[in-house]
Amino acid sequence: MKSRFGNINSIIFMLNIQRFFSMILFLSISAWGSTQNELASNTIIDTEFSSDSLSFNDKWRYCGDPFLMDLACVDLMNDSVLNIPLIAEARKFYGLRDIPGIDHDPRIISFFRAMENYKVKEDEVSWCSVFIGACAKEVGLIYSKQATARSWLEKGDIVNDPIPGDLVVFWREDPKSWKGHVSIYLGKKEETNEVYCLGGNQNDEVCILTYDASTVLGYRRLTKMIQK
């Protein structure tokens, strides 16, 4: 009997030792997990802009904002672009796209209405110009009410060295045709001679896209509307 209880006591002792080390392991894993969560949290917080921030970095790719993720891919960009009113306004609609078929997105139709165009009732109609017009109007800049992109060549001041927030007008199909595209200039990729643009009706949506710089008709800098 004594030997039997001795064996039982030994087993109980070993089990307690096992539980002790299991508890230590559990606490260690928990502490490690908390540390990783804190690091992850700090990483997200660290992606916020600071006043002395000079450039984007790869952290933006993890912040979950499609606009910032795409903007981070633009070379030589910095956080100051987010303070440009026209870009900030266009950003509100990032990812908006027209709906194929008989349904139409009312927000796209509203761009036409903002330009006092009540005839268009479909979102498949070219809407790059009215998108820029609606955004410019909202932030108090002069704007073109026309649905043709080239009408913007008559608005604002001509600039030869554009900066983010200026407009860029491209020809489409043929330099001498009436067709074109208007967008917000973000920057230029010199090695490929492409212009980075934020605009509407780019692949049928509001997005950042590159265009061949050889198709540029002109750059314009919009001025403030004169209050009557």
C-alpha atoms as a PDB file:
ATOM      1  CA  MET A   1       0.000   0.000   0.000  1.00  0.00           C
ATOM      2  CA  LYS A   2       2.804   2.404   0.903  1.00  0.00           C
ATOM      3  CA  SER A   3       4.534   1.760  -2.369  1.00  0.00           C
ATOM      4  CA  ARG A   4       1.284   2.242  -4.221  1.00  0.00           C
ATOM      5  CA  PHE A   5       0.595   5.628  -2.603  1.00  0.00           C
ATOM      6  CA  GLY A   6       4.175   6.601  -3.178  1.00  0.00           C
ATOM      7  CA  ASN A   7       3.715   6.020  -6.885  1.00  0.00           C
ATOM      8  CA  ILE A   8       0.486   8.030  -6.846  1.00  0.00           C
ATOM      9  CA  ASN A   9       2.181  10.918  -5.057  1.00  0.00           C
ATOM     10  CA  SER A  10       4.969  10.839  -7.602  1.00  0.00           C
ATOM     11  CA  ILE A  11       2.482  10.936 -10.435  1.00  0.00           C
ATOM     12  CA  ILE A  12       0.605  13.850  -8.823  1.00  0.00           C
ATOM     13  CA  PHE A  13       3.902  15.663  -8.319  1.00  0.00           C
ATOM     14  CA  MET A  14       4.844  15.170 -11.968  1.00  0.00           C
ATOM     15  CA  LEU A  15       1.430  16.359 -13.098  1.00  0.00           C
ATOM     16  CA  ASN A  16       1.787  19.504 -11.016  1.00  0.00           C
ATOM     17  CA  ILE A  17       5.197  20.115 -12.552  1.00  0.00           C
ATOM     18  CA  GLN A  18       3.691  19.643 -15.999  1.00  0.00           C
ATOM     19  CA  ARG A  19       0.862  22.048 -15.213  1.00  0.00           C
ATOM     20  CA  PHE A  20       3.367  24.574 -13.916  1.00  0.00           C
ATOM     21  CA  PHE A  21       5.433  24.539 -17.091  1.00  0.00           C
ATOM     22  CA  SER A  22       2.275  24.530 -19.209  1.00  0.00           C
ATOM     23  CA  MET A  23       1.143  27.655 -17.399  1.00  0.00           C
ATOM     24  CA  ILE A  24       4.531  29.303 -17.976  1.00  0.00           C
ATOM     25  CA  LEU A  25       4.305  28.428 -21.667  1.00  0.00           C
ATOM     26  CA  PHE A  26       0.750  29.753 -21.897  1.00  0.00           C
ATOM     27  CA  LEU A  27       1.694  33.047 -20.239  1.00  0.00           C
ATOM     28  CA  SER A  28       4.685  33.403 -22.524  1.00  0.00           C
ATOM     29  CA  ILE A  29       2.581  32.859 -25.631  1.00  0.00           C
ATOM     30  CA  SER A  30      -0.051  35.302 -24.359  1.00  0.00           C
ATOM     31  CA  ALA A  31       2.575  37.940 -23.668  1.00  0.00           C
ATOM     32  CA  TRP A  32       4.093  37.418 -27.124  1.00  0.00           C
ATOM     33  CA  GLY A  33       0.671  37.740 -28.735  1.00  0.00           C
ATOM     34  CA  SER A  34      -0.036  40.975 -26.871  1.00  0.00           C
ATOM     35  CA  THR A  35       3.301  42.347 -27.990  1.00  0.00           C
ATOM     36  CA  GLN A  36       2.561  41.490 -31.622  1.00  0.00           C
ATOM     37  CA  ASN A  37      -0.873  43.107 -31.399  1.00  0.00           C
ATOM     38  CA  GLU A  38       0.679  46.221 -29.910  1.00  0.00           C
ATOM     39  CA  LEU A  39       3.288  46.316 -32.654  1.00  0.00           C
ATOM     40  CA  ALA A  40       0.591  45.895 -35.288  1.00  0.00           C
ATOM     41  CA  SER A  41      -1.437  48.644 -33.663  1.00  0.00           C
ATOM     42  CA  ASN A  42       1.577  50.926 -33.580  1.00  0.00           C
ATOM     43  CA  THR A  43       2.234  50.174 -37.223  1.00  0.00           C
ATOM     44  CA  ILE A  44      -1.265  51.303 -38.163  1.00  0.00           C
ATOM     45  CA  ILE A  45      -1.017  54.407 -35.999  1.00  0.00           C
ATOM     46  CA  ASP A  46       2.393  55.133 -37.443  1.00  0.00           C
ATOM     47  CA  THR A  47       0.921  55.310 -40.924  1.00  0.00           C
ATOM     48  CA  GLU A  48      -0.906  58.521 -40.067  1.00  0.00           C
ATOM     49  CA  PHE A  49       0.556  61.651 -41.603  1.00  0.00           C
ATOM     50  CA  SER A  50       2.814  63.891 -39.557  1.00  0.00           C
ATOM     51  CA  SER A  51       3.702  67.474 -40.339  1.00  0.00           C
ATOM     52  CA  ASP A  52       7.326  66.637 -41.030  1.00  0.00           C
ATOM     53  CA  SER A  53       6.562  63.617 -43.225  1.00  0.00           C
ATOM     54  CA  LEU A  54       8.301  63.946 -46.574  1.00  0.00           C
ATOM     55  CA  SER A  55       7.298  60.873 -48.492  1.00  0.00           C
ATOM     56  CA  PHE A  56       5.114  57.810 -48.571  1.00  0.00           C
ATOM     57  CA  ASN A  57       6.509  54.409 -47.671  1.00  0.00           C
ATOM     58  CA  ASP A  58       5.432  50.805 -47.861  1.00  0.00           C
ATOM     59  CA  LYS A  59       3.369  51.099 -44.653  1.00  0.00           C
ATOM     60  CA  TRP A  60       0.608  52.681 -46.707  1.00  0.00           C
ATOM     61  CA  ARG A  61       0.059  49.363 -48.419  1.00  0.00           C
ATOM     62  CA  TYR A  62      -1.292  47.987 -45.126  1.00  0.00           C
ATOM     63  CA  CYS A  63      -3.577  50.814 -44.115  1.00  0.00           C
ATOM     64  CA  GLY A  64      -6.615  49.509 -46.002  1.00  0.00           C
ATOM     65  CA  ASP A  65      -7.370  52.729 -47.901  1.00  0.00           C
ATOM     66  CA  PRO A  66      -7.419  52.034 -51.681  1.00  0.00           C
ATOM     67  CA  PHE A  67      -6.700  55.662 -52.543  1.00  0.00           C
ATOM     68  CA  LEU A  68      -3.663  55.878 -50.279  1.00  0.00           C
ATOM     69  CA  MET A  69      -2.465  52.473 -51.409  1.00  0.00           C
ATOM     70  CA  ASP A  70      -2.576  53.577 -55.038  1.00  0.00           C
ATOM     71  CA  LEU A  71      -1.138  56.987 -54.261  1.00  0.00           C
ATOM     72  CA  ALA A  72       1.803  55.341 -52.517  1.00  0.00           C
ATOM     73  CA  CYS A  73       2.795  53.835 -55.849  1.00  0.00           C
ATOM     74  CA  VAL A  74       3.283  57.284 -57.379  1.00  0.00           C
ATOM     75  CA  ASP A  75       6.936  58.273 -57.383  1.00  0.00           C
ATOM     76  CA  LEU A  76       8.089  61.432 -55.595  1.00  0.00           C
ATOM     77  CA  MET A  77       4.752  62.063 -53.927  1.00  0.00           C
ATOM     78  CA  ASN A  78       4.344  63.377 -50.392  1.00  0.00           C
ATOM     79  CA  ASP A  79       1.538  63.835 -47.909  1.00  0.00           C
ATOM     80  CA  SER A  80       0.953  67.457 -48.917  1.00  0.00           C
ATOM     81  CA  VAL A  81      -1.159  66.311 -51.873  1.00  0.00           C
ATOM     82  CA  LEU A  82      -3.925  65.296 -49.477  1.00  0.00           C
ATOM     83  CA  ASN A  83      -4.321  68.935 -48.474  1.00  0.00           C
ATOM     84  CA  ILE A  84      -5.018  70.073 -52.029  1.00  0.00           C
ATOM     85  CA  PRO A  85      -8.786  70.809 -52.099  1.00  0.00           C
ATOM     86  CA  LEU A  86      -9.458  69.420 -55.580  1.00  0.00           C
ATOM     87  CA  ILE A  87      -7.666  66.159 -54.818  1.00  0.00           C
ATOM     88  CA  ALA A  88      -9.367  65.876 -51.430  1.00  0.00           C
ATOM     89  CA  GLU A  89     -12.776  66.309 -53.060  1.00  0.00           C
ATOM     90  CA  ALA A  90     -12.086  63.792 -55.838  1.00  0.00           C
ATOM     91  CA  ARG A  91     -10.848  61.309 -53.248  1.00  0.00           C
ATOM     92  CA  LYS A  92     -14.335  61.141 -51.727  1.00  0.00           C
ATOM     93  CA  PHE A  93     -15.524  59.274 -54.814  1.00  0.00           C
ATOM     94  CA  TYR A  94     -12.544  56.957 -55.191  1.00  0.00           C
ATOM     95  CA  GLY A  95     -13.658  53.609 -56.573  1.00  0.00           C
ATOM     96  CA  LEU A  96     -16.986  54.907 -57.874  1.00  0.00           C
ATOM     97  CA  ARG A  97     -17.726  53.257 -61.205  1.00  0.00           C
ATOM     98  CA  ASP A  98     -20.561  53.182 -63.684  1.00  0.00           C
ATOM     99  CA  ILE A  99     -22.952  50.239 -63.664  1.00  0.00           C
ATOM    100  CA  PRO A 100     -23.256  48.137 -66.826  1.00  0.00           C
ATOM    101  CA  GLY A 101     -26.788  47.536 -68.055  1.00  0.00           C
ATOM    102  CA  ILE A 102     -30.030  49.294 -67.318  1.00  0.00           C
ATOM    103  CA  ASP A 103     -29.080  50.447 -63.805  1.00  0.00           C
ATOM    104  CA  HIS A 104     -27.120  53.667 -63.321  1.00  0.00           C
ATOM    105  CA  ASP A 105     -25.283  55.094 -60.332  1.00  0.00           C
ATOM    106  CA  PRO A 106     -27.128  58.228 -59.166  1.00  0.00           C
ATOM    107  CA  ARG A 107     -23.871  59.810 -57.993  1.00  0.00           C
ATOM    108  CA  ILE A 108     -22.532  59.853 -61.540  1.00  0.00           C
ATOM    109  CA  ILE A 109     -25.810  61.292 -62.804  1.00  0.00           C
ATOM    110  CA  SER A 110     -25.493  63.961 -60.082  1.00  0.00           C
ATOM    111  CA  PHE A 111     -22.246  65.196 -61.668  1.00  0.00           C
ATOM    112  CA  PHE A 112     -24.196  66.030 -64.808  1.00  0.00           C
ATOM    113  CA  ARG A 113     -26.901  67.733 -62.761  1.00  0.00           C
ATOM    114  CA  ALA A 114     -24.289  69.834 -60.965  1.00  0.00           C
ATOM    115  CA  MET A 115     -23.240  71.074 -64.401  1.00  0.00           C
ATOM    116  CA  GLU A 116     -26.902  71.858 -65.198  1.00  0.00           C
ATOM    117  CA  ASN A 117     -27.100  69.010 -67.669  1.00  0.00           C
ATOM    118  CA  TYR A 118     -30.484  67.351 -67.266  1.00  0.00           C
ATOM    119  CA  LYS A 119     -30.550  65.425 -70.514  1.00  0.00           C
ATOM    120  CA  VAL A 120     -28.120  62.677 -69.564  1.00  0.00           C
ATOM    121  CA  LYS A 121     -29.805  59.873 -67.662  1.00  0.00           C
ATOM    122  CA  GLU A 122     -27.216  57.104 -68.080  1.00  0.00           C
ATOM    123  CA  ASP A 123     -23.841  56.638 -66.432  1.00  0.00           C
ATOM    124  CA  GLU A 124     -22.286  55.105 -69.543  1.00  0.00           C
ATOM    125  CA  VAL A 125     -22.008  58.571 -71.109  1.00  0.00           C
ATOM    126  CA  SER A 126     -18.462  59.962 -70.856  1.00  0.00           C
ATOM    127  CA  TRP A 127     -18.329  61.661 -67.465  1.00  0.00           C
ATOM    128  CA  CYS A 128     -14.680  62.621 -66.911  1.00  0.00           C
ATOM    129  CA  SER A 129     -15.393  66.305 -67.566  1.00  0.00           C
ATOM    130  CA  VAL A 130     -18.495  66.621 -65.388  1.00  0.00           C
ATOM    131  CA  PHE A 131     -16.713  64.789 -62.582  1.00  0.00           C
ATOM    132  CA  ILE A 132     -13.915  67.357 -62.586  1.00  0.00           C
ATOM    133  CA  GLY A 133     -16.518  70.097 -62.905  1.00  0.00           C
ATOM    134  CA  ALA A 134     -18.506  68.904 -59.902  1.00  0.00           C
ATOM    135  CA  CYS A 135     -15.358  68.601 -57.774  1.00  0.00           C
ATOM    136  CA  ALA A 136     -14.048  72.012 -58.833  1.00  0.00           C
ATOM    137  CA  LYS A 137     -17.412  73.642 -58.170  1.00  0.00           C
ATOM    138  CA  GLU A 138     -17.589  72.076 -54.714  1.00  0.00           C
ATOM    139  CA  VAL A 139     -14.235  73.549 -53.656  1.00  0.00           C
ATOM    140  CA  GLY A 140     -14.873  76.982 -55.130  1.00  0.00           C
ATOM    141  CA  LEU A 141     -12.770  76.793 -58.292  1.00  0.00           C
ATOM    142  CA  ILE A 142     -13.770  77.926 -61.762  1.00  0.00           C
ATOM    143  CA  TYR A 143     -15.131  75.102 -63.862  1.00  0.00           C
ATOM    144  CA  SER A 144     -16.436  74.086 -67.237  1.00  0.00           C
ATOM    145  CA  LYS A 145     -20.076  73.029 -67.436  1.00  0.00           C
ATOM    146  CA  GLN A 146     -19.478  71.178 -70.667  1.00  0.00           C
ATOM    147  CA  ALA A 147     -19.200  67.411 -70.920  1.00  0.00           C
ATOM    148  CA  THR A 148     -16.297  67.678 -73.379  1.00  0.00           C
ATOM    149  CA  ALA A 149     -12.822  67.313 -71.904  1.00  0.00           C
ATOM    150  CA  ARG A 150     -11.214  69.830 -74.232  1.00  0.00           C
ATOM    151  CA  SER A 151     -13.425  72.599 -72.855  1.00  0.00           C
ATOM    152  CA  TRP A 152     -11.034  72.727 -69.894  1.00  0.00           C
ATOM    153  CA  LEU A 153      -8.335  74.145 -72.152  1.00  0.00           C
ATOM    154  CA  GLU A 154     -10.260  77.417 -71.850  1.00  0.00           C
ATOM    155  CA  LYS A 155     -10.363  77.406 -68.046  1.00  0.00           C
ATOM    156  CA  GLY A 156      -7.737  78.543 -65.579  1.00  0.00           C
ATOM    157  CA  ASP A 157      -4.160  79.506 -66.342  1.00  0.00           C
ATOM    158  CA  ILE A 158      -1.811  77.754 -68.727  1.00  0.00           C
ATOM    159  CA  VAL A 159       1.093  76.040 -66.945  1.00  0.00           C
ATOM    160  CA  ASN A 160       4.120  74.333 -68.438  1.00  0.00           C
ATOM    161  CA  ASP A 161       5.441  72.840 -65.206  1.00  0.00           C
ATOM    162  CA  PRO A 162       2.387  71.278 -63.573  1.00  0.00           C
ATOM    163  CA  ILE A 163       2.172  70.413 -59.910  1.00  0.00           C
ATOM    164  CA  PRO A 164      -0.234  68.013 -58.167  1.00  0.00           C
ATOM    165  CA  GLY A 165      -3.724  69.458 -58.279  1.00  0.00           C
ATOM    166  CA  ASP A 166      -3.397  71.034 -61.718  1.00  0.00           C
ATOM    167  CA  LEU A 167      -5.515  69.703 -64.581  1.00  0.00           C
ATOM    168  CA  VAL A 168      -4.202  67.829 -67.575  1.00  0.00           C
ATOM    169  CA  VAL A 169      -6.103  67.472 -70.838  1.00  0.00           C
ATOM    170  CA  PHE A 170      -5.332  64.665 -73.299  1.00  0.00           C
ATOM    171  CA  TRP A 171      -6.372  64.081 -76.872  1.00  0.00           C
ATOM    172  CA  ARG A 172      -8.130  60.824 -77.632  1.00  0.00           C
ATOM    173  CA  GLU A 173      -8.091  58.853 -80.888  1.00  0.00           C
ATOM    174  CA  ASP A 174      -6.773  61.810 -82.878  1.00  0.00           C
ATOM    175  CA  PRO A 175      -5.116  65.100 -81.844  1.00  0.00           C
ATOM    176  CA  LYS A 176      -7.432  67.030 -84.158  1.00  0.00           C
ATOM    177  CA  SER A 177     -10.672  65.399 -83.067  1.00  0.00           C
ATOM    178  CA  TRP A 178     -13.032  66.808 -80.453  1.00  0.00           C
ATOM    179  CA  LYS A 179     -12.490  63.800 -78.196  1.00  0.00           C
ATOM    180  CA  GLY A 180     -10.318  63.930 -75.141  1.00  0.00           C
ATOM    181  CA  HIS A 181      -9.903  63.233 -71.465  1.00  0.00           C
ATOM    182  CA  VAL A 182      -9.431  65.555 -68.487  1.00  0.00           C
ATOM    183  CA  SER A 183      -7.981  64.559 -65.149  1.00  0.00           C
ATOM    184  CA  ILE A 184      -6.136  65.837 -62.086  1.00  0.00           C
ATOM    185  CA  TYR A 185      -2.369  65.819 -62.453  1.00  0.00           C
ATOM    186  CA  LEU A 186      -0.438  63.932 -59.755  1.00  0.00           C
ATOM    187  CA  GLY A 187       3.032  63.505 -61.221  1.00  0.00           C
ATOM    188  CA  LYS A 188       5.070  62.134 -64.064  1.00  0.00           C
ATOM    189  CA  LYS A 189       7.074  58.967 -64.496  1.00  0.00           C
ATOM    190  CA  GLU A 190      10.002  60.152 -66.581  1.00  0.00           C
ATOM    191  CA  GLU A 191      11.425  56.745 -67.458  1.00  0.00           C
ATOM    192  CA  THR A 192       8.206  55.690 -69.189  1.00  0.00           C
ATOM    193  CA  ASN A 193       6.997  59.186 -70.182  1.00  0.00           C
ATOM    194  CA  GLU A 194       3.674  58.636 -68.421  1.00  0.00           C
ATOM    195  CA  VAL A 195       1.489  61.019 -66.442  1.00  0.00           C
ATOM    196  CA  TYR A 196      -0.142  59.915 -63.196  1.00  0.00           C
ATOM    197  CA  CYS A 197      -3.741  61.126 -63.023  1.00  0.00           C
ATOM    198  CA  LEU A 198      -6.638  61.081 -60.583  1.00  0.00           C
ATOM    199  CA  GLY A 199      -9.923  61.337 -62.408  1.00  0.00           C
ATOM    200  CA  GLY A 200     -13.344  59.988 -63.265  1.00  0.00           C
ATOM    201  CA  ASN A 201     -14.330  57.614 -66.048  1.00  0.00           C
ATOM    202  CA  GLN A 202     -10.833  56.157 -66.068  1.00  0.00           C
ATOM    203  CA  ASN A 203     -11.490  52.516 -66.869  1.00  0.00           C
ATOM    204  CA  ASP A 204     -15.098  53.447 -66.056  1.00  0.00           C
ATOM    205  CA  GLU A 205     -14.284  54.517 -62.498  1.00  0.00           C
ATOM    206  CA  VAL A 206     -12.679  57.139 -60.271  1.00  0.00           C
ATOM    207  CA  CYS A 207      -9.107  55.993 -59.878  1.00  0.00           C
ATOM    208  CA  ILE A 208      -5.432  56.787 -60.364  1.00  0.00           C
ATOM    209  CA  LEU A 209      -4.230  55.867 -63.821  1.00  0.00           C
ATOM    210  CA  THR A 210      -1.282  56.581 -66.090  1.00  0.00           C
ATOM    211  CA  TYR A 211      -1.554  58.166 -69.529  1.00  0.00           C
ATOM    212  CA  ASP A 212       1.005  58.623 -72.282  1.00  0.00           C
ATOM    213  CA  ALA A 213       2.518  62.099 -71.907  1.00  0.00           C
ATOM    214  CA  SER A 214       2.752  62.397 -75.688  1.00  0.00           C
ATOM    215  CA  THR A 215      -1.055  62.733 -75.796  1.00  0.00           C
ATOM    216  CA  VAL A 216      -1.139  65.782 -73.514  1.00  0.00           C
ATOM    217  CA  LEU A 217      -2.838  68.827 -75.036  1.00  0.00           C
ATOM    218  CA  GLY A 218      -2.157  71.106 -72.104  1.00  0.00           C
ATOM    219  CA  TYR A 219      -1.995  71.712 -68.373  1.00  0.00           C
ATOM    220  CA  ARG A 220      -4.241  74.179 -66.567  1.00  0.00           C
ATOM    221  CA  ARG A 221      -4.249  75.651 -63.078  1.00  0.00           C
ATOM    222  CA  LEU A 222      -7.733  76.500 -61.887  1.00  0.00           C
ATOM    223  CA  THR A 223      -8.322  79.761 -60.083  1.00  0.00           C
ATOM    224  CA  LYS A 224     -10.875  80.645 -57.460  1.00  0.00           C
ATOM    225  CA  MET A 225     -14.360  81.585 -58.562  1.00  0.00           C
ATOM    226  CA  ILE A 226     -15.163  85.251 -58.210  1.00  0.00           C
ATOM    227  CA  GLN A 227     -17.946  85.659 -55.688  1.00  0.00           C
ATOM    228  CA  LYS A 228     -20.802  87.749 -57.036  1.00  0.00           C
END
